[in-house]
Structures are given as C-alpha cells and as structure tokens.
Amino acid sequence: MDTLLWIVQAVLALKLVSAAYTHGLGKGAKMRQARQRLATLARPLLSAVAILMFLGALGLVLPAAIRTLGWLTPWAAALLAVLMLVSLAFHTHCCAKPKPWADLVLLALAAFVAVGRWVLAPL
C-alpha cells in the first residue's frame, strides 16, 4: 500500500505543479479568456491558486521523502482535496467543459492520499 500511495503522491504532485505553472504563468488563449471572464480579480486569484497548488505539491512529497514532519503529507492532501472541491464548483459554475472531470479525478486522488496516509500507511 505504501508503494501505491507513493505513486499516487508523485503523480498528483506532478499534475499540481504543471497546473500551478499554467495558472500562474499561462499566457495562452484559454488563460486570457479566463482572465477576461473574471475581470480584475483574475490575476491575483489565479496567482493565489497557483501558489496553493505548488505548496500543496511540495507538501505531498517533501515531508514524506525526508521522513520528517510526516503529518504534513495527509494534511496537504486533505487541503488539496478541499481546493479541488472549490475548483470543481468554480469550473462547473463557469461551464468549463473538461475541467470538472479533471477536478473530480484530482479530488479523488487527493482524498485517497489523505485517507491512505492517515489510516492505511501512516508515515
């Protein structure tokens, strides 16, 4: 179970880092459209989300990898699950077609890591 959790943590962390990059530094057409829909709140909101995702990705892997403060990993996973729940509500409200499914997958993975690291294979 520990190996499976490590794999899920690594995959989730990589996906969150890539999402943090696109939300924080994205200059494509999709990001411009998102900023226009959000008006003046767009850049600070997207930057805050990017920072939270990056810190969450670090919290998933770093404490477990260095075997210190292991309790941070399940907390990071639980807070990322909450972030993905808020993201799911936001993307559903904005009628973004592929995003709610991605949010559901990331929510499930984060919840699995949180439960796994709290109950099944604590650090």
Protein backbone atom coordinates (compact mmCIF):
# COMPACT_ATOMS: atom_id res chain seq x y z
CA MET A 1 0.00 0.00 0.00
CA ASP A 2 2.89 2.32 0.76
CA THR A 3 4.22 1.97 -2.80
CA LEU A 4 0.82 2.71 -4.31
CA LEU A 5 0.47 5.81 -2.14
CA TRP A 6 3.93 7.00 -3.20
CA ILE A 7 3.00 6.57 -6.86
CA VAL A 8 -0.27 8.48 -6.41
CA GLN A 9 1.51 11.21 -4.44
CA ALA A 10 4.13 11.63 -7.17
CA VAL A 11 1.57 11.70 -9.99
CA LEU A 12 -0.63 14.14 -8.09
CA ALA A 13 2.34 16.38 -7.26
CA LEU A 14 3.49 16.46 -10.89
CA LYS A 15 0.00 17.32 -12.11
CA LEU A 16 -0.36 20.04 -9.50
CA VAL A 17 2.99 21.59 -10.41
CA SER A 18 2.01 21.67 -14.07
CA ALA A 19 -1.39 23.15 -13.21
CA ALA A 20 0.27 25.73 -10.95
CA TYR A 21 2.54 26.70 -13.83
CA THR A 22 -0.35 27.15 -16.27
CA HIS A 23 -2.49 29.05 -13.75
CA GLY A 24 0.35 31.29 -12.60
CA LEU A 25 2.21 31.88 -15.83
CA GLY A 26 -0.25 30.79 -18.51
CA LYS A 27 -0.30 33.12 -21.45
CA GLY A 28 -2.41 31.04 -23.84
CA ALA A 29 -5.80 31.87 -25.30
CA LYS A 30 -7.64 29.86 -22.63
CA MET A 31 -5.97 31.79 -19.81
CA ARG A 32 -6.73 35.13 -21.48
CA GLN A 33 -10.38 34.13 -21.77
CA ALA A 34 -10.43 33.08 -18.12
CA ARG A 35 -8.94 36.40 -17.05
CA GLN A 36 -11.49 38.33 -19.13
CA ARG A 37 -14.35 36.41 -17.53
CA LEU A 38 -13.02 37.08 -14.04
CA ALA A 39 -12.29 40.74 -14.80
CA THR A 40 -9.98 42.49 -12.31
CA LEU A 41 -9.87 39.58 -9.87
CA ALA A 42 -8.34 37.23 -12.43
CA ARG A 43 -4.60 37.69 -11.99
CA PRO A 44 -4.50 37.71 -8.17
CA LEU A 45 -6.97 34.82 -7.97
CA LEU A 46 -5.08 32.69 -10.47
CA SER A 47 -1.78 33.53 -8.79
CA ALA A 48 -3.14 32.53 -5.38
CA VAL A 49 -4.45 29.25 -6.76
CA ALA A 50 -1.09 28.59 -8.43
CA ILE A 51 0.78 29.21 -5.18
CA LEU A 52 -1.59 26.96 -3.22
CA MET A 53 -1.20 24.16 -5.77
CA PHE A 54 2.58 24.43 -5.77
CA LEU A 55 2.76 24.42 -1.96
CA GLY A 56 0.34 21.50 -1.86
CA ALA A 57 2.51 19.55 -4.29
CA LEU A 58 5.54 20.19 -2.08
CA GLY A 59 3.54 19.16 0.98
CA LEU A 60 2.61 15.87 -0.67
CA VAL A 61 6.14 14.76 -1.41
CA LEU A 62 8.74 16.65 0.62
CA PRO A 63 7.81 15.74 4.23
CA ALA A 64 7.35 12.09 3.32
CA ALA A 65 10.56 11.97 1.31
CA ILE A 66 12.77 13.41 4.05
CA ARG A 67 10.92 11.45 6.76
CA THR A 68 10.35 14.45 8.98
CA LEU A 69 7.06 16.14 9.82
CA GLY A 70 5.22 13.25 8.16
CA TRP A 71 1.90 14.54 9.48
CA LEU A 72 2.07 17.34 6.89
CA THR A 73 1.51 14.94 3.98
CA PRO A 74 -2.05 13.87 4.89
CA TRP A 75 -2.93 17.44 5.81
CA ALA A 76 -1.62 18.71 2.49
CA ALA A 77 -3.63 16.04 0.68
CA ALA A 78 -6.79 16.89 2.63
CA LEU A 79 -6.43 20.61 1.95
CA LEU A 80 -5.77 19.90 -1.72
CA ALA A 81 -8.98 17.86 -1.79
CA VAL A 82 -10.82 20.90 -0.42
CA LEU A 83 -9.14 23.10 -3.04
CA MET A 84 -10.23 20.68 -5.77
CA LEU A 85 -13.79 20.73 -4.40
CA VAL A 86 -13.83 24.53 -4.64
CA SER A 87 -12.28 24.28 -8.11
CA LEU A 88 -14.97 21.82 -9.14
CA ALA A 89 -17.70 24.24 -8.04
CA PHE A 90 -15.97 27.12 -9.81
CA HIS A 91 -15.43 25.29 -13.10
CA THR A 92 -18.99 23.95 -13.03
CA HIS A 93 -20.32 27.47 -12.48
CA CYS A 94 -18.21 28.80 -15.37
CA CYS A 95 -19.40 25.95 -17.63
CA ALA A 96 -15.87 24.82 -18.44
CA LYS A 97 -16.37 21.51 -20.21
CA PRO A 98 -13.28 19.35 -19.49
CA LYS A 99 -12.29 20.95 -16.21
CA PRO A 100 -14.91 19.43 -13.87
CA TRP A 101 -13.77 15.91 -14.81
CA ALA A 102 -10.14 16.76 -14.14
CA ASP A 103 -11.15 18.29 -10.81
CA LEU A 104 -13.04 15.12 -9.87
CA VAL A 105 -10.02 12.93 -10.64
CA LEU A 106 -7.65 15.18 -8.69
CA LEU A 107 -10.16 15.35 -5.81
CA ALA A 108 -10.34 11.54 -5.69
CA LEU A 109 -6.56 11.18 -5.78
CA ALA A 110 -6.03 13.76 -3.05
CA ALA A 111 -8.70 12.16 -0.86
CA PHE A 112 -7.12 8.73 -1.41
CA VAL A 113 -3.70 10.06 -0.33
CA ALA A 114 -5.20 11.79 2.72
CA VAL A 115 -7.02 8.68 3.91
CA GLY A 116 -4.14 6.43 2.97
CA ARG A 117 -1.55 8.44 4.87
CA TRP A 118 -3.79 8.91 7.90
CA VAL A 119 -5.19 5.38 8.18
CA LEU A 120 -3.73 2.78 5.80
CA ALA A 121 0.00 3.56 5.73
CA PRO A 122 0.92 6.45 8.03
CA LEU A 123 4.39 7.91 7.80
